[in-house]
């Protein structure tokens, strides 16, 4: 008698077959066992199950396929496949996939840099509430990357991201408050935002906070 909870290789093969027949729950069970280290599946089997789960509408499988295409173990970078799967996951409401599409176009990963497309996908991620998407959209708006400069919209995006715990957004918002860019200059609010950024772990905020505190003391 085999140990309880253990499955033979033939059992795993039957799971792959059931997955291929359109049973999403079996696909997900296979992936869960694989992630737990209970399946020593070959890469082709994993790819097969991920593809089927993705075709059956599972967003996590779509995302994993996209990531595998950008970080291949044995095959060359397949950026077209990554864009395809990230796009499908984004359409299903996955903000992280939208963010990754923005990063691909922003940094030219496997393709030419395209600030317009980067800004488009950052906005998609931002609309879905992703803090990093909000931050990157704010930078685009602040600096005019991929479109017009819009300081007011940048302030709003930085604030939304900062309210979600994004340290660099709090820092950049502090700079805009201190300079009066896109918002009325407010020294007290700028200092408070710097303190929030530092509390969230962004080290440059500590240095600027010391500098601004000295200026504040001199003015007083």
C-alpha atoms as a PDB file:
ATOM      1  CA  UNK A   1       0.000   0.000   0.000  1.00  0.00           C
ATOM      2  CA  UNK A   2       1.360   3.416  -0.904  1.00  0.00           C
ATOM      3  CA  UNK A   3       1.715   6.264   1.542  1.00  0.00           C
ATOM      4  CA  UNK A   4      -1.398   8.385   2.047  1.00  0.00           C
ATOM      5  CA  UNK A   5      -1.341  11.581   0.030  1.00  0.00           C
ATOM      6  CA  UNK A   6       1.267  10.292  -2.447  1.00  0.00           C
ATOM      7  CA  UNK A   7       0.468   9.899  -6.119  1.00  0.00           C
ATOM      8  CA  UNK A   8       2.220   7.809  -8.725  1.00  0.00           C
ATOM      9  CA  UNK A   9       3.604   9.199 -11.957  1.00  0.00           C
ATOM     10  CA  UNK A  10       0.677   7.578 -13.771  1.00  0.00           C
ATOM     11  CA  UNK A  11      -1.695   9.500 -11.475  1.00  0.00           C
ATOM     12  CA  UNK A  12      -0.026  12.765 -12.448  1.00  0.00           C
ATOM     13  CA  UNK A  13      -0.197  11.783 -16.113  1.00  0.00           C
ATOM     14  CA  UNK A  14      -3.921  11.162 -15.731  1.00  0.00           C
ATOM     15  CA  UNK A  15      -4.257  14.608 -14.148  1.00  0.00           C
ATOM     16  CA  UNK A  16      -2.585  16.148 -17.199  1.00  0.00           C
ATOM     17  CA  UNK A  17      -4.998  14.228 -19.418  1.00  0.00           C
ATOM     18  CA  UNK A  18      -8.017  15.401 -17.391  1.00  0.00           C
ATOM     19  CA  UNK A  19      -6.713  18.956 -17.539  1.00  0.00           C
ATOM     20  CA  UNK A  20      -6.329  18.709 -21.308  1.00  0.00           C
ATOM     21  CA  UNK A  21      -9.922  17.492 -21.551  1.00  0.00           C
ATOM     22  CA  UNK A  22     -11.052  20.851 -20.132  1.00  0.00           C
ATOM     23  CA  UNK A  23     -11.207  20.226 -16.372  1.00  0.00           C
ATOM     24  CA  UNK A  24      -9.926  23.522 -14.917  1.00  0.00           C
ATOM     25  CA  UNK A  25     -10.055  22.280 -11.313  1.00  0.00           C
ATOM     26  CA  UNK A  26      -7.717  19.393 -12.187  1.00  0.00           C
ATOM     27  CA  UNK A  27      -5.366  21.836 -13.912  1.00  0.00           C
ATOM     28  CA  UNK A  28      -5.285  23.979 -10.785  1.00  0.00           C
ATOM     29  CA  UNK A  29      -4.823  20.941  -8.527  1.00  0.00           C
ATOM     30  CA  UNK A  30      -1.842  19.863 -10.635  1.00  0.00           C
ATOM     31  CA  UNK A  31      -0.289  23.354 -10.415  1.00  0.00           C
ATOM     32  CA  UNK A  32      -0.859  23.473  -6.665  1.00  0.00           C
ATOM     33  CA  UNK A  33       0.891  20.117  -6.177  1.00  0.00           C
ATOM     34  CA  UNK A  34       3.727  21.238  -8.457  1.00  0.00           C
ATOM     35  CA  UNK A  35       4.220  24.447  -6.461  1.00  0.00           C
ATOM     36  CA  UNK A  36       4.266  22.423  -3.229  1.00  0.00           C
ATOM     37  CA  UNK A  37       7.039  20.235  -4.627  1.00  0.00           C
ATOM     38  CA  UNK A  38       4.877  17.106  -4.739  1.00  0.00           C
ATOM     39  CA  UNK A  39       5.192  16.742  -8.499  1.00  0.00           C
ATOM     40  CA  UNK A  40       8.489  16.375 -10.317  1.00  0.00           C
ATOM     41  CA  UNK A  41       6.913  17.274 -13.636  1.00  0.00           C
ATOM     42  CA  UNK A  42       9.043  17.917 -16.691  1.00  0.00           C
ATOM     43  CA  UNK A  43       8.928  21.454 -18.027  1.00  0.00           C
ATOM     44  CA  UNK A  44       6.842  20.458 -21.057  1.00  0.00           C
ATOM     45  CA  UNK A  45       4.120  19.014 -18.787  1.00  0.00           C
ATOM     46  CA  UNK A  46       4.027  22.174 -16.686  1.00  0.00           C
ATOM     47  CA  UNK A  47       3.813  24.300 -19.831  1.00  0.00           C
ATOM     48  CA  UNK A  48       1.014  22.080 -21.131  1.00  0.00           C
ATOM     49  CA  UNK A  49      -1.041  22.443 -17.947  1.00  0.00           C
ATOM     50  CA  UNK A  50      -0.423  26.195 -17.699  1.00  0.00           C
ATOM     51  CA  UNK A  51      -1.516  26.683 -21.308  1.00  0.00           C
ATOM     52  CA  UNK A  52      -4.698  24.713 -20.786  1.00  0.00           C
ATOM     53  CA  UNK A  53      -5.540  26.520 -17.541  1.00  0.00           C
ATOM     54  CA  UNK A  54      -4.925  29.861 -19.268  1.00  0.00           C
ATOM     55  CA  UNK A  55      -7.128  28.879 -22.216  1.00  0.00           C
ATOM     56  CA  UNK A  56      -9.822  27.976 -19.702  1.00  0.00           C
ATOM     57  CA  UNK A  57      -9.649  31.547 -18.368  1.00  0.00           C
ATOM     58  CA  UNK A  58      -7.398  31.253 -15.320  1.00  0.00           C
ATOM     59  CA  UNK A  59      -5.654  34.621 -14.903  1.00  0.00           C
ATOM     60  CA  UNK A  60      -2.857  33.299 -12.687  1.00  0.00           C
ATOM     61  CA  UNK A  61      -1.899  30.781 -15.368  1.00  0.00           C
ATOM     62  CA  UNK A  62      -1.897  33.553 -17.984  1.00  0.00           C
ATOM     63  CA  UNK A  63       0.412  35.628 -15.786  1.00  0.00           C
ATOM     64  CA  UNK A  64       2.752  32.698 -15.145  1.00  0.00           C
ATOM     65  CA  UNK A  65       3.029  31.934 -18.847  1.00  0.00           C
ATOM     66  CA  UNK A  66       3.869  35.569 -19.547  1.00  0.00           C
ATOM     67  CA  UNK A  67       6.550  35.601 -16.867  1.00  0.00           C
ATOM     68  CA  UNK A  68       8.035  32.341 -18.175  1.00  0.00           C
ATOM     69  CA  UNK A  69       8.266  33.928 -21.626  1.00  0.00           C
ATOM     70  CA  UNK A  70      10.263  36.858 -20.225  1.00  0.00           C
ATOM     71  CA  UNK A  71      12.418  34.708 -17.927  1.00  0.00           C
ATOM     72  CA  UNK A  72      12.914  31.493 -19.925  1.00  0.00           C
ATOM     73  CA  UNK A  73      14.745  28.539 -18.402  1.00  0.00           C
ATOM     74  CA  UNK A  74      15.821  26.921 -21.654  1.00  0.00           C
ATOM     75  CA  UNK A  75      14.228  28.828 -24.546  1.00  0.00           C
ATOM     76  CA  UNK A  76      15.070  32.265 -25.947  1.00  0.00           C
ATOM     77  CA  UNK A  77      13.116  35.318 -24.801  1.00  0.00           C
ATOM     78  CA  UNK A  78       9.630  35.220 -26.337  1.00  0.00           C
ATOM     79  CA  UNK A  79       8.428  38.769 -25.843  1.00  0.00           C
ATOM     80  CA  UNK A  80       5.478  38.403 -28.246  1.00  0.00           C
ATOM     81  CA  UNK A  81       4.107  35.526 -26.187  1.00  0.00           C
ATOM     82  CA  UNK A  82       4.675  37.505 -22.989  1.00  0.00           C
ATOM     83  CA  UNK A  83       2.803  40.511 -24.376  1.00  0.00           C
ATOM     84  CA  UNK A  84      -0.027  38.275 -25.556  1.00  0.00           C
ATOM     85  CA  UNK A  85      -0.536  36.581 -22.190  1.00  0.00           C
ATOM     86  CA  UNK A  86      -0.047  39.760 -20.153  1.00  0.00           C
ATOM     87  CA  UNK A  87      -2.619  41.481 -22.407  1.00  0.00           C
ATOM     88  CA  UNK A  88      -5.160  38.683 -21.877  1.00  0.00           C
ATOM     89  CA  UNK A  89      -4.612  38.737 -18.104  1.00  0.00           C
ATOM     90  CA  UNK A  90      -4.911  42.530 -18.108  1.00  0.00           C
ATOM     91  CA  UNK A  91      -8.189  42.316 -20.005  1.00  0.00           C
ATOM     92  CA  UNK A  92      -9.386  39.952 -17.258  1.00  0.00           C
ATOM     93  CA  UNK A  93      -8.628  42.652 -14.671  1.00  0.00           C
ATOM     94  CA  UNK A  94      -5.110  41.765 -13.507  1.00  0.00           C
ATOM     95  CA  UNK A  95      -3.340  45.019 -12.609  1.00  0.00           C
ATOM     96  CA  UNK A  96       0.084  43.385 -12.285  1.00  0.00           C
ATOM     97  CA  UNK A  97      -0.083  42.238 -15.903  1.00  0.00           C
ATOM     98  CA  UNK A  98      -0.928  45.782 -16.995  1.00  0.00           C
ATOM     99  CA  UNK A  99       2.028  47.053 -14.989  1.00  0.00           C
ATOM    100  CA  UNK A 100       4.375  44.518 -16.562  1.00  0.00           C
ATOM    101  CA  UNK A 101       3.270  45.541 -20.050  1.00  0.00           C
ATOM    102  CA  UNK A 102       4.094  49.128 -19.129  1.00  0.00           C
ATOM    103  CA  UNK A 103       7.529  48.051 -17.931  1.00  0.00           C
ATOM    104  CA  UNK A 104       8.186  46.077 -21.123  1.00  0.00           C
ATOM    105  CA  UNK A 105       7.519  49.127 -23.299  1.00  0.00           C
ATOM    106  CA  UNK A 106       9.121  51.570 -20.864  1.00  0.00           C
ATOM    107  CA  UNK A 107      12.425  49.694 -20.643  1.00  0.00           C
ATOM    108  CA  UNK A 108      12.414  48.164 -24.114  1.00  0.00           C
ATOM    109  CA  UNK A 109      12.493  44.548 -22.923  1.00  0.00           C
ATOM    110  CA  UNK A 110      12.891  42.547 -26.131  1.00  0.00           C
ATOM    111  CA  UNK A 111      11.383  45.368 -28.185  1.00  0.00           C
ATOM    112  CA  UNK A 112      11.986  49.051 -28.915  1.00  0.00           C
ATOM    113  CA  UNK A 113      11.121  51.502 -26.153  1.00  0.00           C
ATOM    114  CA  UNK A 114       7.672  53.035 -26.630  1.00  0.00           C
ATOM    115  CA  UNK A 115       6.710  55.700 -24.087  1.00  0.00           C
ATOM    116  CA  UNK A 116       3.208  56.079 -25.509  1.00  0.00           C
ATOM    117  CA  UNK A 117       2.396  52.396 -25.008  1.00  0.00           C
ATOM    118  CA  UNK A 118       4.153  52.392 -21.626  1.00  0.00           C
ATOM    119  CA  UNK A 119       1.987  55.277 -20.458  1.00  0.00           C
ATOM    120  CA  UNK A 120      -1.140  53.539 -21.789  1.00  0.00           C
ATOM    121  CA  UNK A 121      -0.442  50.362 -19.812  1.00  0.00           C
ATOM    122  CA  UNK A 122       0.618  52.244 -16.686  1.00  0.00           C
ATOM    123  CA  UNK A 123      -2.756  53.997 -16.813  1.00  0.00           C
ATOM    124  CA  UNK A 124      -4.486  50.617 -17.135  1.00  0.00           C
ATOM    125  CA  UNK A 125      -2.644  49.405 -14.032  1.00  0.00           C
ATOM    126  CA  UNK A 126      -3.393  52.665 -12.236  1.00  0.00           C
ATOM    127  CA  UNK A 127      -7.102  52.446 -13.074  1.00  0.00           C
ATOM    128  CA  UNK A 128      -7.072  49.002 -11.452  1.00  0.00           C
ATOM    129  CA  UNK A 129      -5.566  50.538  -8.290  1.00  0.00           C
ATOM    130  CA  UNK A 130      -2.008  49.210  -8.625  1.00  0.00           C
ATOM    131  CA  UNK A 131       0.314  51.473  -6.547  1.00  0.00           C
ATOM    132  CA  UNK A 132       3.354  50.962  -8.795  1.00  0.00           C
ATOM    133  CA  UNK A 133       1.174  51.628 -11.830  1.00  0.00           C
ATOM    134  CA  UNK A 134      -0.047  54.849 -10.231  1.00  0.00           C
ATOM    135  CA  UNK A 135       3.533  55.878  -9.485  1.00  0.00           C
ATOM    136  CA  UNK A 136       4.780  55.180 -13.011  1.00  0.00           C
ATOM    137  CA  UNK A 137       1.778  56.944 -14.537  1.00  0.00           C
ATOM    138  CA  UNK A 138       2.475  59.936 -12.284  1.00  0.00           C
ATOM    139  CA  UNK A 139       6.085  60.062 -13.499  1.00  0.00           C
ATOM    140  CA  UNK A 140       4.850  60.025 -17.110  1.00  0.00           C
ATOM    141  CA  UNK A 141       2.418  62.840 -16.363  1.00  0.00           C
ATOM    142  CA  UNK A 142       5.006  64.774 -14.378  1.00  0.00           C
ATOM    143  CA  UNK A 143       7.711  64.554 -17.050  1.00  0.00           C
ATOM    144  CA  UNK A 144       5.595  64.401 -20.197  1.00  0.00           C
ATOM    145  CA  UNK A 145       6.649  60.868 -21.163  1.00  0.00           C
ATOM    146  CA  UNK A 146       4.393  59.385 -23.830  1.00  0.00           C
ATOM    147  CA  UNK A 147       2.081  62.415 -23.828  1.00  0.00           C
ATOM    148  CA  UNK A 148       1.495  65.873 -22.456  1.00  0.00           C
ATOM    149  CA  UNK A 149       2.761  67.124 -19.102  1.00  0.00           C
ATOM    150  CA  UNK A 150      -0.077  67.310 -16.581  1.00  0.00           C
ATOM    151  CA  UNK A 151       1.216  68.311 -13.159  1.00  0.00           C
ATOM    152  CA  UNK A 152      -2.229  68.325 -11.551  1.00  0.00           C
ATOM    153  CA  UNK A 153      -2.963  64.764 -12.693  1.00  0.00           C
ATOM    154  CA  UNK A 154       0.531  63.751 -11.555  1.00  0.00           C
ATOM    155  CA  UNK A 155      -0.183  65.082  -8.066  1.00  0.00           C
ATOM    156  CA  UNK A 156      -3.423  63.108  -7.935  1.00  0.00           C
ATOM    157  CA  UNK A 157      -1.730  59.890  -9.047  1.00  0.00           C
ATOM    158  CA  UNK A 158       1.152  60.318  -6.590  1.00  0.00           C
ATOM    159  CA  UNK A 159      -1.339  60.931  -3.784  1.00  0.00           C
ATOM    160  CA  UNK A 160      -3.386  57.836  -4.610  1.00  0.00           C
ATOM    161  CA  UNK A 161      -0.229  55.721  -4.675  1.00  0.00           C
ATOM    162  CA  UNK A 162       1.077  57.274  -1.448  1.00  0.00           C
ATOM    163  CA  UNK A 163      -2.261  56.530   0.230  1.00  0.00           C
ATOM    164  CA  UNK A 164      -1.682  52.882  -0.772  1.00  0.00           C
ATOM    165  CA  UNK A 165       1.706  52.856   0.963  1.00  0.00           C
ATOM    166  CA  UNK A 166       4.002  53.655  -1.991  1.00  0.00           C
ATOM    167  CA  UNK A 167       7.073  55.339  -0.497  1.00  0.00           C
ATOM    168  CA  UNK A 168       8.538  56.917  -3.659  1.00  0.00           C
ATOM    169  CA  UNK A 169       5.156  58.412  -4.522  1.00  0.00           C
ATOM    170  CA  UNK A 170       5.021  60.068  -1.116  1.00  0.00           C
ATOM    171  CA  UNK A 171       8.540  61.415  -1.731  1.00  0.00           C
ATOM    172  CA  UNK A 172       7.721  62.816  -5.172  1.00  0.00           C
ATOM    173  CA  UNK A 173       4.492  64.310  -3.867  1.00  0.00           C
ATOM    174  CA  UNK A 174       6.489  66.021  -1.114  1.00  0.00           C
ATOM    175  CA  UNK A 175       8.744  67.548  -3.782  1.00  0.00           C
ATOM    176  CA  UNK A 176       5.756  68.873  -5.703  1.00  0.00           C
ATOM    177  CA  UNK A 177       4.197  70.280  -2.532  1.00  0.00           C
ATOM    178  CA  UNK A 178       7.489  71.946  -1.639  1.00  0.00           C
ATOM    179  CA  UNK A 179       7.893  73.488  -5.087  1.00  0.00           C
ATOM    180  CA  UNK A 180       4.238  74.295  -5.667  1.00  0.00           C
ATOM    181  CA  UNK A 181       4.057  72.187  -8.846  1.00  0.00           C
ATOM    182  CA  UNK A 182       0.539  71.128  -9.828  1.00  0.00           C
ATOM    183  CA  UNK A 183      -0.660  72.147  -6.387  1.00  0.00           C
ATOM    184  CA  UNK A 184      -0.410  75.151  -4.087  1.00  0.00           C
ATOM    185  CA  UNK A 185       2.896  75.239  -2.248  1.00  0.00           C
ATOM    186  CA  UNK A 186       2.446  73.900   1.250  1.00  0.00           C
ATOM    187  CA  UNK A 187       5.604  73.491   3.300  1.00  0.00           C
ATOM    188  CA  UNK A 188       3.923  71.777   6.260  1.00  0.00           C
ATOM    189  CA  UNK A 189       2.225  69.214   4.013  1.00  0.00           C
ATOM    190  CA  UNK A 190       5.484  68.624   2.152  1.00  0.00           C
ATOM    191  CA  UNK A 191       7.303  67.866   5.414  1.00  0.00           C
ATOM    192  CA  UNK A 192       4.500  65.526   6.521  1.00  0.00           C
ATOM    193  CA  UNK A 193       4.653  63.684   3.212  1.00  0.00           C
ATOM    194  CA  UNK A 194       8.445  63.340   3.493  1.00  0.00           C
ATOM    195  CA  UNK A 195       8.011  61.867   6.946  1.00  0.00           C
ATOM    196  CA  UNK A 196       5.505  59.398   5.547  1.00  0.00           C
ATOM    197  CA  UNK A 197       7.940  58.411   2.788  1.00  0.00           C
ATOM    198  CA  UNK A 198      10.706  57.875   5.326  1.00  0.00           C
ATOM    199  CA  UNK A 199       8.399  55.847   7.570  1.00  0.00           C
ATOM    200  CA  UNK A 200       7.593  53.667   4.556  1.00  0.00           C
ATOM    201  CA  UNK A 201      11.301  52.943   4.157  1.00  0.00           C
ATOM    202  CA  UNK A 202      12.483  55.314   1.405  1.00  0.00           C
ATOM    203  CA  UNK A 203      15.949  56.350   2.643  1.00  0.00           C
ATOM    204  CA  UNK A 204      16.427  59.498   0.468  1.00  0.00           C
ATOM    205  CA  UNK A 205      13.439  61.005   2.286  1.00  0.00           C
ATOM    206  CA  UNK A 206      15.449  60.983   5.516  1.00  0.00           C
ATOM    207  CA  UNK A 207      18.246  63.073   3.995  1.00  0.00           C
ATOM    208  CA  UNK A 208      15.889  65.573   2.389  1.00  0.00           C
ATOM    209  CA  UNK A 209      13.881  65.779   5.601  1.00  0.00           C
ATOM    210  CA  UNK A 210      17.009  66.861   7.490  1.00  0.00           C
ATOM    211  CA  UNK A 211      17.786  69.462   4.827  1.00  0.00           C
ATOM    212  CA  UNK A 212      14.263  70.869   4.736  1.00  0.00           C
ATOM    213  CA  UNK A 213      13.973  70.879   8.528  1.00  0.00           C
ATOM    214  CA  UNK A 214      17.081  73.082   8.701  1.00  0.00           C
ATOM    215  CA  UNK A 215      15.561  75.485   6.178  1.00  0.00           C
ATOM    216  CA  UNK A 216      12.337  75.550   8.179  1.00  0.00           C
ATOM    217  CA  UNK A 217      14.210  76.377  11.397  1.00  0.00           C
ATOM    218  CA  UNK A 218      16.117  79.210   9.695  1.00  0.00           C
ATOM    219  CA  UNK A 219      12.888  80.716   8.380  1.00  0.00           C
ATOM    220  CA  UNK A 220      11.402  80.573  11.863  1.00  0.00           C
END
